[in-house]
Amino acid sequence: MATVTCRYLGDLRVECVHEASGTTIITDAPLDNHGKGEAFSPTDLCVTALASCAMTIIGILAQNHGIDVSGTRIEVSKVMSPKPPRKIGRIEVIFHMPARSYSDKEKQMIERAAHTCPVHLSLNADVEQAFVFNWAH
């Protein structure tokens, strides 16, 4: 059984359905690539997947070690490569950690966990991935 099924709606839009839950996402081509930019683009979903995957792995680590990371806010930026073929050249994921008294060891564990997420490990090595952690005091 497929994990996701997609249907082309025309006008550079695709409807994607997560088969297990029925959740639907519509993608749209970005403004700089013939689209209307009215929904996530496929590359937006890629960088979103990286951020949410890293946070999920951090969350699993946090659960296993009794660390509270709830309320972490994440900003994701992508830069498309200026050279053909069109592809993502750089992704920056900034984690704004909540104001808690994390120990140095906990911080180190959290930062290392981000680099073990399956999306991070699956992206082509040509894609620069920068994880930045802002620790509130």
Protein backbone atom coordinates (compact mmCIF):
# COMPACT_ATOMS: atom_id res chain seq x y z
CA MET A 1 0.00 0.00 0.00
CA ALA A 2 1.26 3.47 -0.84
CA THR A 3 2.22 5.87 1.95
CA VAL A 4 1.04 8.89 -0.03
CA THR A 5 -0.99 9.17 -3.22
CA CYS A 6 -0.84 12.26 -5.39
CA ARG A 7 -3.13 13.62 -8.08
CA TYR A 8 -2.27 16.41 -10.51
CA LEU A 9 -5.02 19.04 -10.35
CA GLY A 10 -3.72 21.13 -13.25
CA ASP A 11 -2.31 24.64 -13.13
CA LEU A 12 0.89 23.29 -11.44
CA ARG A 13 -1.00 22.06 -8.35
CA VAL A 14 -0.83 18.60 -6.84
CA GLU A 15 -3.08 17.10 -4.18
CA CYS A 16 -1.24 14.70 -1.86
CA VAL A 17 -3.12 12.37 0.47
CA HIS A 18 -1.50 10.58 3.41
CA GLU A 19 -3.20 7.22 3.06
CA ALA A 20 -3.10 6.15 6.72
CA SER A 21 -4.72 9.33 8.05
CA GLY A 22 -6.47 10.88 5.07
CA THR A 23 -4.65 14.17 5.67
CA THR A 24 -4.41 16.22 2.47
CA ILE A 25 -1.80 18.72 1.33
CA ILE A 26 -1.99 20.79 -1.83
CA THR A 27 1.29 21.89 -3.37
CA ASP A 28 1.77 24.76 -5.80
CA ALA A 29 4.75 25.73 -7.90
CA PRO A 30 6.59 28.73 -6.42
CA LEU A 31 6.35 32.21 -7.91
CA ASP A 32 9.90 31.99 -9.22
CA ASN A 33 9.12 28.78 -11.13
CA HIS A 34 5.90 29.46 -13.05
CA GLY A 35 3.54 28.99 -10.10
CA LYS A 36 1.18 31.11 -8.05
CA GLY A 37 2.94 30.48 -4.74
CA GLU A 38 -0.41 29.96 -3.01
CA ALA A 39 0.61 26.80 -1.13
CA PHE A 40 3.70 24.91 -0.06
CA SER A 41 5.96 24.15 -2.99
CA PRO A 42 7.55 20.71 -3.18
CA THR A 43 10.89 22.18 -2.05
CA ASP A 44 9.10 23.96 0.83
CA LEU A 45 7.84 20.55 1.92
CA CYS A 46 11.36 19.16 1.70
CA VAL A 47 12.80 21.78 4.07
CA THR A 48 9.74 21.49 6.30
CA ALA A 49 10.31 17.74 6.46
CA LEU A 50 13.90 18.35 7.57
CA ALA A 51 12.83 20.69 10.38
CA SER A 52 9.95 18.54 11.60
CA CYS A 53 12.02 15.36 11.41
CA ALA A 54 14.89 16.88 13.40
CA MET A 55 12.42 18.17 16.00
CA THR A 56 10.74 14.76 16.20
CA ILE A 57 14.08 13.05 16.85
CA ILE A 58 14.88 15.69 19.48
CA GLY A 59 11.44 15.05 21.00
CA ILE A 60 12.10 11.31 21.20
CA LEU A 61 15.43 11.95 22.89
CA ALA A 62 13.78 14.42 25.27
CA GLN A 63 11.06 11.91 26.21
CA ASN A 64 13.65 9.20 26.86
CA HIS A 65 15.73 11.48 29.10
CA GLY A 66 13.03 13.50 30.87
CA ILE A 67 13.93 16.77 29.13
CA ASP A 68 11.17 19.28 28.37
CA VAL A 69 11.53 20.75 24.87
CA SER A 70 7.87 21.71 24.43
CA GLY A 71 7.42 25.15 22.98
CA THR A 72 10.54 24.99 20.81
CA ARG A 73 10.03 27.26 17.80
CA ILE A 74 11.74 26.50 14.51
CA GLU A 75 12.47 28.77 11.54
CA VAL A 76 13.47 27.17 8.24
CA SER A 77 15.05 28.96 5.29
CA LYS A 78 15.98 27.53 1.92
CA VAL A 79 18.23 28.91 -0.75
CA MET A 80 17.92 27.52 -4.24
CA SER A 81 21.18 26.78 -6.02
CA PRO A 82 22.01 29.50 -8.56
CA LYS A 83 23.40 26.91 -11.00
CA PRO A 84 21.30 24.51 -13.08
CA PRO A 85 19.78 22.10 -12.49
CA ARG A 86 17.21 23.74 -10.20
CA LYS A 87 17.68 22.34 -6.70
CA ILE A 88 17.97 23.33 -3.06
CA GLY A 89 21.50 24.52 -2.32
CA ARG A 90 21.27 25.39 1.38
CA ILE A 91 18.83 24.81 4.22
CA GLU A 92 19.08 26.64 7.52
CA VAL A 93 17.08 25.32 10.46
CA ILE A 94 17.05 27.61 13.49
CA PHE A 95 15.79 26.14 16.74
CA HIS A 96 14.64 28.72 19.31
CA MET A 97 14.79 26.71 22.48
CA PRO A 98 12.51 27.66 25.37
CA ALA A 99 13.93 29.41 28.42
CA ARG A 100 14.80 26.46 30.63
CA SER A 101 17.92 25.59 32.54
CA TYR A 102 19.29 22.93 30.20
CA SER A 103 22.62 21.47 31.28
CA ASP A 104 25.56 21.57 28.88
CA LYS A 105 25.19 17.80 28.47
CA GLU A 106 21.48 18.13 27.57
CA LYS A 107 22.27 20.85 25.04
CA GLN A 108 24.93 18.69 23.45
CA MET A 109 22.57 15.68 23.31
CA ILE A 110 19.82 17.77 21.71
CA GLU A 111 22.12 19.29 19.10
CA ARG A 112 23.58 15.89 18.21
CA ALA A 113 20.11 14.35 17.91
CA ALA A 114 19.14 16.81 15.18
CA HIS A 115 21.93 15.47 12.99
CA THR A 116 20.60 11.92 13.26
CA CYS A 117 17.18 12.55 11.75
CA PRO A 118 16.38 10.38 8.71
CA VAL A 119 15.62 13.36 6.44
CA HIS A 120 18.99 14.98 7.25
CA LEU A 121 20.73 11.70 6.50
CA SER A 122 18.73 11.15 3.29
CA LEU A 123 19.39 14.48 1.58
CA ASN A 124 22.13 14.67 -1.04
CA ALA A 125 25.50 15.67 0.41
CA ASP A 126 25.54 18.63 -2.01
CA VAL A 127 22.73 20.25 -0.02
CA GLU A 128 24.27 22.33 2.76
CA GLN A 129 22.31 21.82 5.98
CA ALA A 130 22.90 24.21 8.86
CA PHE A 131 21.33 23.58 12.26
CA VAL A 132 21.48 26.59 14.59
CA PHE A 133 20.38 26.44 18.23
CA ASN A 134 19.42 29.61 20.07
CA TRP A 135 19.32 28.78 23.77
CA ALA A 136 17.12 31.21 25.72
CA HIS A 137 18.31 32.15 29.19
